[in-house]
């Protein structure tokens, strides 16, 4: 069952963000979900998006679906970042401002603030 639309949850800690983003598939999942105009997609759409962005990983579609279903989607749902309806095979993106800021900075090629001296 998809969780409610409430974004009223506790803020993610730094440890939470590091745990979530430690796995490349979760970073790709969140990147894809945050980039689509709708706040929903099917598992099939997500699988297609992940397979089109593969970088040498040769997971079969079946294996990728299993990993999404048993590992990545439940973890993202536990942190309140997505709603996942297994029966309808639908994912709803909820997101987190802290996580999105982190991912934006992580992927920003021209952010040179890390090199500045205090």
PDB file of N, CA and C in Angstrom:
ATOM      1  N   UNK A   1       0.840  -1.176   0.000  1.00  0.00           N
ATOM      2  CA  UNK A   1       0.000   0.000   0.000  1.00  0.00           C
ATOM      3  C   UNK A   1       0.882   1.234   0.000  1.00  0.00           C
ATOM      4  N   UNK A   2       0.530   2.240  -0.782  1.00  0.00           N
ATOM      5  CA  UNK A   2       1.297   3.473  -0.856  1.00  0.00           C
ATOM      6  C   UNK A   2       1.056   4.271   0.413  1.00  0.00           C
ATOM      7  N   UNK A   3       2.141   4.779   1.008  1.00  0.00           N
ATOM      8  CA  UNK A   3       2.020   5.598   2.205  1.00  0.00           C
ATOM      9  C   UNK A   3       1.301   6.898   1.886  1.00  0.00           C
ATOM     10  N   UNK A   4       0.806   7.569   2.912  1.00  0.00           N
ATOM     11  CA  UNK A   4       0.071   8.814   2.717  1.00  0.00           C
ATOM     12  C   UNK A   4       0.970   9.890   2.122  1.00  0.00           C
ATOM     13  N   UNK A   5       0.345  10.961   1.629  1.00  0.00           N
ATOM     14  CA  UNK A   5       1.072  12.042   0.981  1.00  0.00           C
ATOM     15  C   UNK A   5       1.754  12.978   1.966  1.00  0.00           C
ATOM     16  N   UNK A   6       1.641  12.729   3.232  1.00  0.00           N
ATOM     17  CA  UNK A   6       2.181  13.629   4.233  1.00  0.00           C
ATOM     18  C   UNK A   6       3.698  13.733   4.136  1.00  0.00           C
ATOM     19  N   UNK A   7       4.170  14.970   4.035  1.00  0.00           N
ATOM     20  CA  UNK A   7       5.606  15.214   4.074  1.00  0.00           C
ATOM     21  C   UNK A   7       6.009  15.618   5.479  1.00  0.00           C
ATOM     22  N   UNK A   8       5.110  15.481   6.439  1.00  0.00           N
ATOM     23  CA  UNK A   8       5.344  15.833   7.826  1.00  0.00           C
ATOM     24  C   UNK A   8       6.036  14.671   8.532  1.00  0.00           C
ATOM     25  N   UNK A   9       7.332  14.553   8.347  1.00  0.00           N
ATOM     26  CA  UNK A   9       8.096  13.511   9.008  1.00  0.00           C
ATOM     27  C   UNK A   9       9.355  14.148   9.565  1.00  0.00           C
ATOM     28  N   UNK A  10      10.052  13.408  10.379  1.00  0.00           N
ATOM     29  CA  UNK A  10      11.261  13.976  10.961  1.00  0.00           C
ATOM     30  C   UNK A  10      12.326  14.150   9.881  1.00  0.00           C
ATOM     31  N   UNK A  11      13.181  15.120  10.098  1.00  0.00           N
ATOM     32  CA  UNK A  11      14.259  15.402   9.144  1.00  0.00           C
ATOM     33  C   UNK A  11      15.239  14.235   9.125  1.00  0.00           C
ATOM     34  N   UNK A  12      15.843  14.036   7.972  1.00  0.00           N
ATOM     35  CA  UNK A  12      16.863  13.001   7.841  1.00  0.00           C
ATOM     36  C   UNK A  12      18.151  13.481   8.501  1.00  0.00           C
ATOM     37  N   UNK A  13      18.796  12.592   9.213  1.00  0.00           N
ATOM     38  CA  UNK A  13      20.089  12.917   9.800  1.00  0.00           C
ATOM     39  C   UNK A  13      21.176  12.734   8.745  1.00  0.00           C
ATOM     40  N   UNK A  14      22.357  13.221   9.040  1.00  0.00           N
ATOM     41  CA  UNK A  14      23.499  13.019   8.144  1.00  0.00           C
ATOM     42  C   UNK A  14      23.744  11.530   7.974  1.00  0.00           C
ATOM     43  N   UNK A  15      23.656  10.764   9.053  1.00  0.00           N
ATOM     44  CA  UNK A  15      23.845   9.315   8.967  1.00  0.00           C
ATOM     45  C   UNK A  15      22.806   8.674   8.058  1.00  0.00           C
ATOM     46  N   UNK A  16      21.556   9.130   8.157  1.00  0.00           N
ATOM     47  CA  UNK A  16      20.500   8.607   7.275  1.00  0.00           C
ATOM     48  C   UNK A  16      20.844   8.877   5.814  1.00  0.00           C
ATOM     49  N   UNK A  17      21.245  10.096   5.519  1.00  0.00           N
ATOM     50  CA  UNK A  17      21.563  10.473   4.142  1.00  0.00           C
ATOM     51  C   UNK A  17      22.732   9.649   3.619  1.00  0.00           C
ATOM     52  N   UNK A  18      23.738   9.442   4.453  1.00  0.00           N
ATOM     53  CA  UNK A  18      24.883   8.628   4.030  1.00  0.00           C
ATOM     54  C   UNK A  18      24.468   7.178   3.800  1.00  0.00           C
ATOM     55  N   UNK A  19      23.615   6.664   4.646  1.00  0.00           N
ATOM     56  CA  UNK A  19      23.119   5.290   4.495  1.00  0.00           C
ATOM     57  C   UNK A  19      22.324   5.148   3.198  1.00  0.00           C
ATOM     58  N   UNK A  20      21.446   6.089   2.946  1.00  0.00           N
ATOM     59  CA  UNK A  20      20.604   6.044   1.746  1.00  0.00           C
ATOM     60  C   UNK A  20      21.448   6.140   0.480  1.00  0.00           C
ATOM     61  N   UNK A  21      22.395   7.058   0.472  1.00  0.00           N
ATOM     62  CA  UNK A  21      23.154   7.324  -0.753  1.00  0.00           C
ATOM     63  C   UNK A  21      24.405   6.461  -0.910  1.00  0.00           C
ATOM     64  N   UNK A  22      24.655   5.575   0.027  1.00  0.00           N
ATOM     65  CA  UNK A  22      25.822   4.696  -0.067  1.00  0.00           C
ATOM     66  C   UNK A  22      25.725   3.742  -1.256  1.00  0.00           C
ATOM     67  N   UNK A  23      24.526   3.409  -1.659  1.00  0.00           N
ATOM     68  CA  UNK A  23      24.288   2.444  -2.735  1.00  0.00           C
ATOM     69  C   UNK A  23      23.997   3.193  -4.040  1.00  0.00           C
ATOM     70  N   UNK A  24      24.798   2.949  -5.089  1.00  0.00           N
ATOM     71  CA  UNK A  24      24.591   3.655  -6.365  1.00  0.00           C
ATOM     72  C   UNK A  24      23.183   3.497  -6.946  1.00  0.00           C
ATOM     73  N   UNK A  25      22.573   2.330  -6.814  1.00  0.00           N
ATOM     74  CA  UNK A  25      21.220   2.163  -7.351  1.00  0.00           C
ATOM     75  C   UNK A  25      20.240   3.109  -6.665  1.00  0.00           C
ATOM     76  N   UNK A  26      20.381   3.300  -5.354  1.00  0.00           N
ATOM     77  CA  UNK A  26      19.460   4.207  -4.671  1.00  0.00           C
ATOM     78  C   UNK A  26      19.679   5.648  -5.135  1.00  0.00           C
ATOM     79  N   UNK A  27      20.925   6.018  -5.379  1.00  0.00           N
ATOM     80  CA  UNK A  27      21.171   7.366  -5.909  1.00  0.00           C
ATOM     81  C   UNK A  27      20.523   7.523  -7.273  1.00  0.00           C
ATOM     82  N   UNK A  28      20.644   6.508  -8.124  1.00  0.00           N
ATOM     83  CA  UNK A  28      20.028   6.564  -9.463  1.00  0.00           C
ATOM     84  C   UNK A  28      18.508   6.583  -9.368  1.00  0.00           C
ATOM     85  N   UNK A  29      17.953   5.795  -8.464  1.00  0.00           N
ATOM     86  CA  UNK A  29      16.495   5.767  -8.272  1.00  0.00           C
ATOM     87  C   UNK A  29      16.009   7.158  -7.875  1.00  0.00           C
ATOM     88  N   UNK A  30      16.650   7.742  -6.878  1.00  0.00           N
ATOM     89  CA  UNK A  30      16.233   9.058  -6.404  1.00  0.00           C
ATOM     90  C   UNK A  30      16.434  10.134  -7.464  1.00  0.00           C
ATOM     91  N   UNK A  31      17.512  10.036  -8.201  1.00  0.00           N
ATOM     92  CA  UNK A  31      17.761  10.992  -9.280  1.00  0.00           C
ATOM     93  C   UNK A  31      16.660  10.910 -10.335  1.00  0.00           C
ATOM     94  N   UNK A  32      16.306   9.695 -10.721  1.00  0.00           N
ATOM     95  CA  UNK A  32      15.258   9.517 -11.720  1.00  0.00           C
ATOM     96  C   UNK A  32      13.915  10.042 -11.197  1.00  0.00           C
ATOM     97  N   UNK A  33      13.543   9.614  -9.993  1.00  0.00           N
ATOM     98  CA  UNK A  33      12.236  10.002  -9.458  1.00  0.00           C
ATOM     99  C   UNK A  33      12.121  11.512  -9.275  1.00  0.00           C
ATOM    100  N   UNK A  34      13.205  12.154  -8.876  1.00  0.00           N
ATOM    101  CA  UNK A  34      13.143  13.607  -8.679  1.00  0.00           C
ATOM    102  C   UNK A  34      13.124  14.368 -10.001  1.00  0.00           C
ATOM    103  N   UNK A  35      13.485  13.694 -11.099  1.00  0.00           N
ATOM    104  CA  UNK A  35      13.551  14.376 -12.390  1.00  0.00           C
ATOM    105  C   UNK A  35      12.288  14.239 -13.238  1.00  0.00           C
ATOM    106  N   UNK A  36      11.398  13.323 -12.881  1.00  0.00           N
ATOM    107  CA  UNK A  36      10.201  13.136 -13.702  1.00  0.00           C
ATOM    108  C   UNK A  36       9.149  14.174 -13.312  1.00  0.00           C
ATOM    109  N   UNK A  37       8.368  14.654 -14.289  1.00  0.00           N
ATOM    110  CA  UNK A  37       7.392  15.696 -13.997  1.00  0.00           C
ATOM    111  C   UNK A  37       6.247  15.229 -13.094  1.00  0.00           C
ATOM    112  N   UNK A  38       5.857  13.986 -13.214  1.00  0.00           N
ATOM    113  CA  UNK A  38       4.825  13.457 -12.343  1.00  0.00           C
ATOM    114  C   UNK A  38       5.510  13.016 -11.054  1.00  0.00           C
ATOM    115  N   UNK A  39       4.737  12.776 -10.028  1.00  0.00           N
ATOM    116  CA  UNK A  39       5.349  12.269  -8.803  1.00  0.00           C
ATOM    117  C   UNK A  39       5.202  10.751  -8.703  1.00  0.00           C
ATOM    118  N   UNK A  40       4.836  10.108  -9.801  1.00  0.00           N
ATOM    119  CA  UNK A  40       4.633   8.658  -9.810  1.00  0.00           C
ATOM    120  C   UNK A  40       5.231   8.030 -11.060  1.00  0.00           C
ATOM    121  N   UNK A  41       5.601   6.752 -10.912  1.00  0.00           N
ATOM    122  CA  UNK A  41       5.999   5.968 -12.075  1.00  0.00           C
ATOM    123  C   UNK A  41       5.768   4.504 -11.747  1.00  0.00           C
ATOM    124  N   UNK A  42       5.757   3.698 -12.768  1.00  0.00           N
ATOM    125  CA  UNK A  42       5.622   2.262 -12.557  1.00  0.00           C
ATOM    126  C   UNK A  42       7.007   1.667 -12.309  1.00  0.00           C
ATOM    127  N   UNK A  43       7.020   0.485 -11.744  1.00  0.00           N
ATOM    128  CA  UNK A  43       8.283  -0.223 -11.543  1.00  0.00           C
ATOM    129  C   UNK A  43       8.938  -0.474 -12.904  1.00  0.00           C
ATOM    130  N   UNK A  44       8.144  -0.803 -13.915  1.00  0.00           N
ATOM    131  CA  UNK A  44       8.684  -1.046 -15.261  1.00  0.00           C
ATOM    132  C   UNK A  44       9.387   0.196 -15.802  1.00  0.00           C
ATOM    133  N   UNK A  45       8.809   1.380 -15.596  1.00  0.00           N
ATOM    134  CA  UNK A  45       9.442   2.623 -16.046  1.00  0.00           C
ATOM    135  C   UNK A  45      10.765   2.849 -15.321  1.00  0.00           C
ATOM    136  N   UNK A  46      10.782   2.566 -14.026  1.00  0.00           N
ATOM    137  CA  UNK A  46      12.009   2.726 -13.256  1.00  0.00           C
ATOM    138  C   UNK A  46      13.075   1.750 -13.728  1.00  0.00           C
ATOM    139  N   UNK A  47      12.703   0.508 -13.964  1.00  0.00           N
ATOM    140  CA  UNK A  47      13.653  -0.494 -14.459  1.00  0.00           C
ATOM    141  C   UNK A  47      14.238  -0.035 -15.798  1.00  0.00           C
ATOM    142  N   UNK A  48      13.389   0.425 -16.706  1.00  0.00           N
ATOM    143  CA  UNK A  48      13.863   0.917 -18.009  1.00  0.00           C
ATOM    144  C   UNK A  48      14.858   2.065 -17.831  1.00  0.00           C
ATOM    145  N   UNK A  49      14.532   3.002 -16.939  1.00  0.00           N
ATOM    146  CA  UNK A  49      15.417   4.146 -16.713  1.00  0.00           C
ATOM    147  C   UNK A  49      16.755   3.694 -16.136  1.00  0.00           C
ATOM    148  N   UNK A  50      16.725   2.766 -15.198  1.00  0.00           N
ATOM    149  CA  UNK A  50      17.963   2.291 -14.590  1.00  0.00           C
ATOM    150  C   UNK A  50      18.804   1.508 -15.580  1.00  0.00           C
ATOM    151  N   UNK A  51      18.165   0.685 -16.397  1.00  0.00           N
ATOM    152  CA  UNK A  51      18.919  -0.098 -17.375  1.00  0.00           C
ATOM    153  C   UNK A  51      19.508   0.779 -18.461  1.00  0.00           C
ATOM    154  N   UNK A  52      18.846   1.869 -18.807  1.00  0.00           N
ATOM    155  CA  UNK A  52      19.382   2.748 -19.848  1.00  0.00           C
ATOM    156  C   UNK A  52      20.576   3.542 -19.338  1.00  0.00           C
ATOM    157  N   UNK A  53      20.731   3.640 -18.004  1.00  0.00           N
ATOM    158  CA  UNK A  53      21.839   4.391 -17.418  1.00  0.00           C
ATOM    159  C   UNK A  53      22.914   3.474 -16.854  1.00  0.00           C
ATOM    160  N   UNK A  54      22.837   2.205 -17.164  1.00  0.00           N
ATOM    161  CA  UNK A  54      23.809   1.255 -16.620  1.00  0.00           C
ATOM    162  C   UNK A  54      25.221   1.637 -17.018  1.00  0.00           C
ATOM    163  N   UNK A  55      26.125   1.405 -16.132  1.00  0.00           N
ATOM    164  CA  UNK A  55      27.534   1.703 -16.380  1.00  0.00           C
ATOM    165  C   UNK A  55      28.364   0.440 -16.170  1.00  0.00           C
ATOM    166  N   UNK A  56      28.121  -0.544 -16.998  1.00  0.00           N
ATOM    167  CA  UNK A  56      28.894  -1.771 -16.917  1.00  0.00           C
ATOM    168  C   UNK A  56      28.269  -2.851 -16.061  1.00  0.00           C
ATOM    169  N   UNK A  57      27.228  -2.541 -15.321  1.00  0.00           N
ATOM    170  CA  UNK A  57      26.559  -3.537 -14.488  1.00  0.00           C
ATOM    171  C   UNK A  57      25.624  -4.327 -15.397  1.00  0.00           C
ATOM    172  N   UNK A  58      25.725  -5.653 -15.356  1.00  0.00           N
ATOM    173  CA  UNK A  58      24.941  -6.470 -16.285  1.00  0.00           C
ATOM    174  C   UNK A  58      23.805  -7.221 -15.586  1.00  0.00           C
ATOM    175  N   UNK A  59      23.133  -6.549 -14.654  1.00  0.00           N
ATOM    176  CA  UNK A  59      21.984  -7.168 -14.008  1.00  0.00           C
ATOM    177  C   UNK A  59      20.876  -7.387 -15.032  1.00  0.00           C
ATOM    178  N   UNK A  60      20.313  -8.568 -15.021  1.00  0.00           N
ATOM    179  CA  UNK A  60      19.180  -8.822 -15.894  1.00  0.00           C
ATOM    180  C   UNK A  60      17.976  -8.034 -15.379  1.00  0.00           C
ATOM    181  N   UNK A  61      16.998  -7.872 -16.227  1.00  0.00           N
ATOM    182  CA  UNK A  61      15.786  -7.163 -15.814  1.00  0.00           C
ATOM    183  C   UNK A  61      15.142  -7.853 -14.621  1.00  0.00           C
ATOM    184  N   UNK A  62      15.094  -9.178 -14.653  1.00  0.00           N
ATOM    185  CA  UNK A  62      14.487  -9.931 -13.550  1.00  0.00           C
ATOM    186  C   UNK A  62      15.249  -9.692 -12.246  1.00  0.00           C
ATOM    187  N   UNK A  63      16.566  -9.753 -12.305  1.00  0.00           N
ATOM    188  CA  UNK A  63      17.396  -9.562 -11.106  1.00  0.00           C
ATOM    189  C   UNK A  63      17.268  -8.126 -10.588  1.00  0.00           C
ATOM    190  N   UNK A  64      17.227  -7.168 -11.482  1.00  0.00           N
ATOM    191  CA  UNK A  64      17.063  -5.774 -11.092  1.00  0.00           C
ATOM    192  C   UNK A  64      15.717  -5.572 -10.399  1.00  0.00           C
ATOM    193  N   UNK A  65      14.654  -6.126 -10.962  1.00  0.00           N
ATOM    194  CA  UNK A  65      13.330  -6.029 -10.328  1.00  0.00           C
ATOM    195  C   UNK A  65      13.349  -6.638  -8.931  1.00  0.00           C
ATOM    196  N   UNK A  66      14.019  -7.778  -8.777  1.00  0.00           N
ATOM    197  CA  UNK A  66      14.109  -8.420  -7.459  1.00  0.00           C
ATOM    198  C   UNK A  66      14.833  -7.518  -6.462  1.00  0.00           C
ATOM    199  N   UNK A  67      15.948  -6.942  -6.888  1.00  0.00           N
ATOM    200  CA  UNK A  67      16.702  -6.057  -5.986  1.00  0.00           C
ATOM    201  C   UNK A  67      15.901  -4.818  -5.624  1.00  0.00           C
ATOM    202  N   UNK A  68      15.176  -4.277  -6.597  1.00  0.00           N
ATOM    203  CA  UNK A  68      14.328  -3.129  -6.295  1.00  0.00           C
ATOM    204  C   UNK A  68      13.270  -3.509  -5.269  1.00  0.00           C
ATOM    205  N   UNK A  69      12.583  -4.617  -5.523  1.00  0.00           N
ATOM    206  CA  UNK A  69      11.467  -5.051  -4.682  1.00  0.00           C
ATOM    207  C   UNK A  69      11.902  -5.436  -3.267  1.00  0.00           C
ATOM    208  N   UNK A  70      13.029  -6.127  -3.153  1.00  0.00           N
ATOM    209  CA  UNK A  70      13.436  -6.662  -1.858  1.00  0.00           C
ATOM    210  C   UNK A  70      14.431  -5.788  -1.094  1.00  0.00           C
ATOM    211  N   UNK A  71      15.133  -4.899  -1.786  1.00  0.00           N
ATOM    212  CA  UNK A  71      16.192  -4.141  -1.119  1.00  0.00           C
ATOM    213  C   UNK A  71      15.944  -2.629  -1.179  1.00  0.00           C
ATOM    214  N   UNK A  72      16.005  -2.082  -2.374  1.00  0.00           N
ATOM    215  CA  UNK A  72      16.075  -0.629  -2.509  1.00  0.00           C
ATOM    216  C   UNK A  72      14.753   0.091  -2.249  1.00  0.00           C
ATOM    217  N   UNK A  73      13.669  -0.370  -2.839  1.00  0.00           N
ATOM    218  CA  UNK A  73      12.390   0.321  -2.636  1.00  0.00           C
ATOM    219  C   UNK A  73      11.918   0.240  -1.189  1.00  0.00           C
ATOM    220  N   UNK A  74      12.026  -0.926  -0.520  1.00  0.00           N
ATOM    221  CA  UNK A  74      11.642  -0.946   0.897  1.00  0.00           C
ATOM    222  C   UNK A  74      12.482   0.008   1.763  1.00  0.00           C
ATOM    223  N   UNK A  75      13.773   0.089   1.490  1.00  0.00           N
ATOM    224  CA  UNK A  75      14.622   0.977   2.273  1.00  0.00           C
ATOM    225  C   UNK A  75      14.207   2.430   2.067  1.00  0.00           C
ATOM    226  N   UNK A  76      13.983   2.820   0.809  1.00  0.00           N
ATOM    227  CA  UNK A  76      13.558   4.190   0.539  1.00  0.00           C
ATOM    228  C   UNK A  76      12.190   4.479   1.153  1.00  0.00           C
ATOM    229  N   UNK A  77      11.329   3.477   1.170  1.00  0.00           N
ATOM    230  CA  UNK A  77      10.013   3.642   1.791  1.00  0.00           C
ATOM    231  C   UNK A  77      10.150   3.769   3.309  1.00  0.00           C
ATOM    232  N   UNK A  78      11.029   2.978   3.909  1.00  0.00           N
ATOM    233  CA  UNK A  78      11.243   3.062   5.356  1.00  0.00           C
ATOM    234  C   UNK A  78      11.711   4.454   5.777  1.00  0.00           C
ATOM    235  N   UNK A  79      12.485   5.112   4.936  1.00  0.00           N
ATOM    236  CA  UNK A  79      12.949   6.465   5.244  1.00  0.00           C
ATOM    237  C   UNK A  79      11.911   7.527   4.868  1.00  0.00           C
ATOM    238  N   UNK A  80      10.774   7.119   4.300  1.00  0.00           N
ATOM    239  CA  UNK A  80       9.717   8.061   3.949  1.00  0.00           C
ATOM    240  C   UNK A  80       9.976   8.842   2.676  1.00  0.00           C
ATOM    241  N   UNK A  81      10.868   8.326   1.823  1.00  0.00           N
ATOM    242  CA  UNK A  81      11.208   9.043   0.588  1.00  0.00           C
ATOM    243  C   UNK A  81      10.326   8.669  -0.589  1.00  0.00           C
ATOM    244  N   UNK A  82       9.725   7.493  -0.518  1.00  0.00           N
ATOM    245  CA  UNK A  82       8.814   7.031  -1.569  1.00  0.00           C
ATOM    246  C   UNK A  82       7.635   6.330  -0.928  1.00  0.00           C
ATOM    247  N   UNK A  83       6.570   6.205  -1.705  1.00  0.00           N
ATOM    248  CA  UNK A  83       5.491   5.287  -1.411  1.00  0.00           C
ATOM    249  C   UNK A  83       5.572   4.190  -2.453  1.00  0.00           C
ATOM    250  N   UNK A  84       5.458   2.956  -2.038  1.00  0.00           N
ATOM    251  CA  UNK A  84       5.596   1.836  -2.973  1.00  0.00           C
ATOM    252  C   UNK A  84       4.392   0.928  -2.822  1.00  0.00           C
ATOM    253  N   UNK A  85       3.592   0.850  -3.862  1.00  0.00           N
ATOM    254  CA  UNK A  85       2.421  -0.025  -3.887  1.00  0.00           C
ATOM    255  C   UNK A  85       2.787  -1.258  -4.694  1.00  0.00           C
ATOM    256  N   UNK A  86       3.099  -2.344  -3.990  1.00  0.00           N
ATOM    257  CA  UNK A  86       3.529  -3.577  -4.653  1.00  0.00           C
ATOM    258  C   UNK A  86       2.455  -4.133  -5.576  1.00  0.00           C
ATOM    259  N   UNK A  87       1.204  -4.092  -5.142  1.00  0.00           N
ATOM    260  CA  UNK A  87       0.114  -4.642  -5.942  1.00  0.00           C
ATOM    261  C   UNK A  87      -0.067  -3.934  -7.268  1.00  0.00           C
ATOM    262  N   UNK A  88       0.040  -2.622  -7.241  1.00  0.00           N
ATOM    263  CA  UNK A  88      -0.120  -1.827  -8.463  1.00  0.00           C
ATOM    264  C   UNK A  88       1.218  -1.606  -9.174  1.00  0.00           C
ATOM    265  N   UNK A  89       2.303  -2.059  -8.565  1.00  0.00           N
ATOM    266  CA  UNK A  89       3.655  -1.835  -9.105  1.00  0.00           C
ATOM    267  C   UNK A  89       3.894  -0.360  -9.379  1.00  0.00           C
ATOM    268  N   UNK A  90       3.508   0.477  -8.418  1.00  0.00           N
ATOM    269  CA  UNK A  90       3.631   1.924  -8.583  1.00  0.00           C
ATOM    270  C   UNK A  90       4.499   2.509  -7.476  1.00  0.00           C
ATOM    271  N   UNK A  91       5.322   3.467  -7.865  1.00  0.00           N
ATOM    272  CA  UNK A  91       6.187   4.164  -6.939  1.00  0.00           C
ATOM    273  C   UNK A  91       5.793   5.632  -6.956  1.00  0.00           C
ATOM    274  N   UNK A  92       5.635   6.212  -5.781  1.00  0.00           N
ATOM    275  CA  UNK A  92       5.323   7.636  -5.662  1.00  0.00           C
ATOM    276  C   UNK A  92       6.485   8.304  -4.955  1.00  0.00           C
ATOM    277  N   UNK A  93       7.031   9.317  -5.582  1.00  0.00           N
ATOM    278  CA  UNK A  93       8.166  10.040  -5.004  1.00  0.00           C
ATOM    279  C   UNK A  93       7.670  11.048  -3.983  1.00  0.00           C
ATOM    280  N   UNK A  94       8.260  11.022  -2.794  1.00  0.00           N
ATOM    281  CA  UNK A  94       7.949  11.987  -1.745  1.00  0.00           C
ATOM    282  C   UNK A  94       9.114  12.943  -1.579  1.00  0.00           C
ATOM    283  N   UNK A  95      10.316  12.406  -1.534  1.00  0.00           N
ATOM    284  CA  UNK A  95      11.513  13.229  -1.468  1.00  0.00           C
ATOM    285  C   UNK A  95      11.815  13.792  -0.100  1.00  0.00           C
ATOM    286  N   UNK A  96      12.895  14.537  -0.044  1.00  0.00           N
ATOM    287  CA  UNK A  96      13.363  15.189   1.172  1.00  0.00           C
ATOM    288  C   UNK A  96      14.239  16.362   0.765  1.00  0.00           C
ATOM    289  N   UNK A  97      13.935  17.544   1.271  1.00  0.00           N
ATOM    290  CA  UNK A  97      14.775  18.697   0.912  1.00  0.00           C
ATOM    291  C   UNK A  97      16.250  18.491   1.277  1.00  0.00           C
ATOM    292  N   UNK A  98      16.523  17.904   2.455  1.00  0.00           N
ATOM    293  CA  UNK A  98      17.917  17.694   2.859  1.00  0.00           C
ATOM    294  C   UNK A  98      18.623  16.762   1.883  1.00  0.00           C
ATOM    295  N   UNK A  99      17.963  15.677   1.513  1.00  0.00           N
ATOM    296  CA  UNK A  99      18.570  14.701   0.610  1.00  0.00           C
ATOM    297  C   UNK A  99      18.764  15.307  -0.782  1.00  0.00           C
ATOM    298  N   UNK A 100      17.780  16.027  -1.272  1.00  0.00           N
ATOM    299  CA  UNK A 100      17.893  16.638  -2.596  1.00  0.00           C
ATOM    300  C   UNK A 100      19.019  17.656  -2.646  1.00  0.00           C
ATOM    301  N   UNK A 101      19.189  18.430  -1.577  1.00  0.00           N
ATOM    302  CA  UNK A 101      20.298  19.379  -1.500  1.00  0.00           C
ATOM    303  C   UNK A 101      21.627  18.636  -1.529  1.00  0.00           C
ATOM    304  N   UNK A 102      21.712  17.546  -0.759  1.00  0.00           N
ATOM    305  CA  UNK A 102      22.924  16.739  -0.731  1.00  0.00           C
ATOM    306  C   UNK A 102      23.251  16.184  -2.118  1.00  0.00           C
ATOM    307  N   UNK A 103      22.254  15.591  -2.769  1.00  0.00           N
ATOM    308  CA  UNK A 103      22.479  15.008  -4.093  1.00  0.00           C
ATOM    309  C   UNK A 103      22.840  16.083  -5.124  1.00  0.00           C
ATOM    310  N   UNK A 104      22.194  17.239  -5.050  1.00  0.00           N
ATOM    311  CA  UNK A 104      22.523  18.335  -5.967  1.00  0.00           C
ATOM    312  C   UNK A 104      23.971  18.764  -5.799  1.00  0.00           C
ATOM    313  N   UNK A 105      24.414  18.887  -4.561  1.00  0.00           N
ATOM    314  CA  UNK A 105      25.796  19.302  -4.311  1.00  0.00           C
ATOM    315  C   UNK A 105      26.770  18.210  -4.704  1.00  0.00           C
ATOM    316  N   UNK A 106      26.375  16.968  -4.490  1.00  0.00           N
ATOM    317  CA  UNK A 106      27.242  15.842  -4.820  1.00  0.00           C
ATOM    318  C   UNK A 106      27.486  15.761  -6.317  1.00  0.00           C
ATOM    319  N   UNK A 107      26.451  16.064  -7.102  1.00  0.00           N
ATOM    320  CA  UNK A 107      26.553  15.946  -8.554  1.00  0.00           C
ATOM    321  C   UNK A 107      26.860  17.261  -9.240  1.00  0.00           C
ATOM    322  N   UNK A 108      27.034  18.340  -8.507  1.00  0.00           N
ATOM    323  CA  UNK A 108      27.310  19.639  -9.102  1.00  0.00           C
ATOM    324  C   UNK A 108      28.770  19.727  -9.530  1.00  0.00           C
ATOM    325  N   UNK A 109      29.025  19.815 -10.849  1.00  0.00           N
ATOM    326  CA  UNK A 109      30.408  19.832 -11.320  1.00  0.00           C
ATOM    327  C   UNK A 109      31.142  21.137 -11.024  1.00  0.00           C
ATOM    328  N   UNK A 110      30.426  22.249 -10.841  1.00  0.00           N
ATOM    329  CA  UNK A 110      31.126  23.502 -10.624  1.00  0.00           C
ATOM    330  C   UNK A 110      31.065  23.995  -9.188  1.00  0.00           C
ATOM    331  N   UNK A 111      30.809  23.127  -8.259  1.00  0.00           N
ATOM    332  CA  UNK A 111      30.806  23.515  -6.849  1.00  0.00           C
ATOM    333  C   UNK A 111      32.228  23.375  -6.321  1.00  0.00           C
ATOM    334  N   UNK A 112      32.886  24.514  -6.146  1.00  0.00           N
ATOM    335  CA  UNK A 112      34.264  24.469  -5.671  1.00  0.00           C
ATOM    336  C   UNK A 112      34.389  24.938  -4.226  1.00  0.00           C
ATOM    337  N   UNK A 113      33.276  24.974  -3.499  1.00  0.00           N
ATOM    338  CA  UNK A 113      33.313  25.439  -2.112  1.00  0.00           C
ATOM    339  C   UNK A 113      34.126  24.517  -1.219  1.00  0.00           C
ATOM    340  N   UNK A 114      34.274  23.259  -1.594  1.00  0.00           N
ATOM    341  CA  UNK A 114      35.049  22.322  -0.789  1.00  0.00           C
ATOM    342  C   UNK A 114      36.528  22.693  -0.804  1.00  0.00           C
ATOM    343  N   UNK A 115      36.965  23.438  -1.827  1.00  0.00           N
ATOM    344  CA  UNK A 115      38.379  23.814  -1.937  1.00  0.00           C
ATOM    345  C   UNK A 115      38.697  25.127  -1.238  1.00  0.00           C
ATOM    346  N   UNK A 116      37.671  25.844  -0.767  1.00  0.00           N
ATOM    347  CA  UNK A 116      37.908  27.137  -0.139  1.00  0.00           C
ATOM    348  C   UNK A 116      38.482  26.953   1.264  1.00  0.00           C
ATOM    349  N   UNK A 117      39.391  27.846   1.635  1.00  0.00           N
ATOM    350  CA  UNK A 117      39.909  27.851   3.002  1.00  0.00           C
ATOM    351  C   UNK A 117      38.996  28.681   3.874  1.00  0.00           C
ATOM    352  N   UNK A 118      38.843  28.297   5.117  1.00  0.00           N
ATOM    353  CA  UNK A 118      37.974  29.046   6.035  1.00  0.00           C
ATOM    354  C   UNK A 118      38.700  30.221   6.610  1.00  0.00           C
TER     355      UNK A 118
END
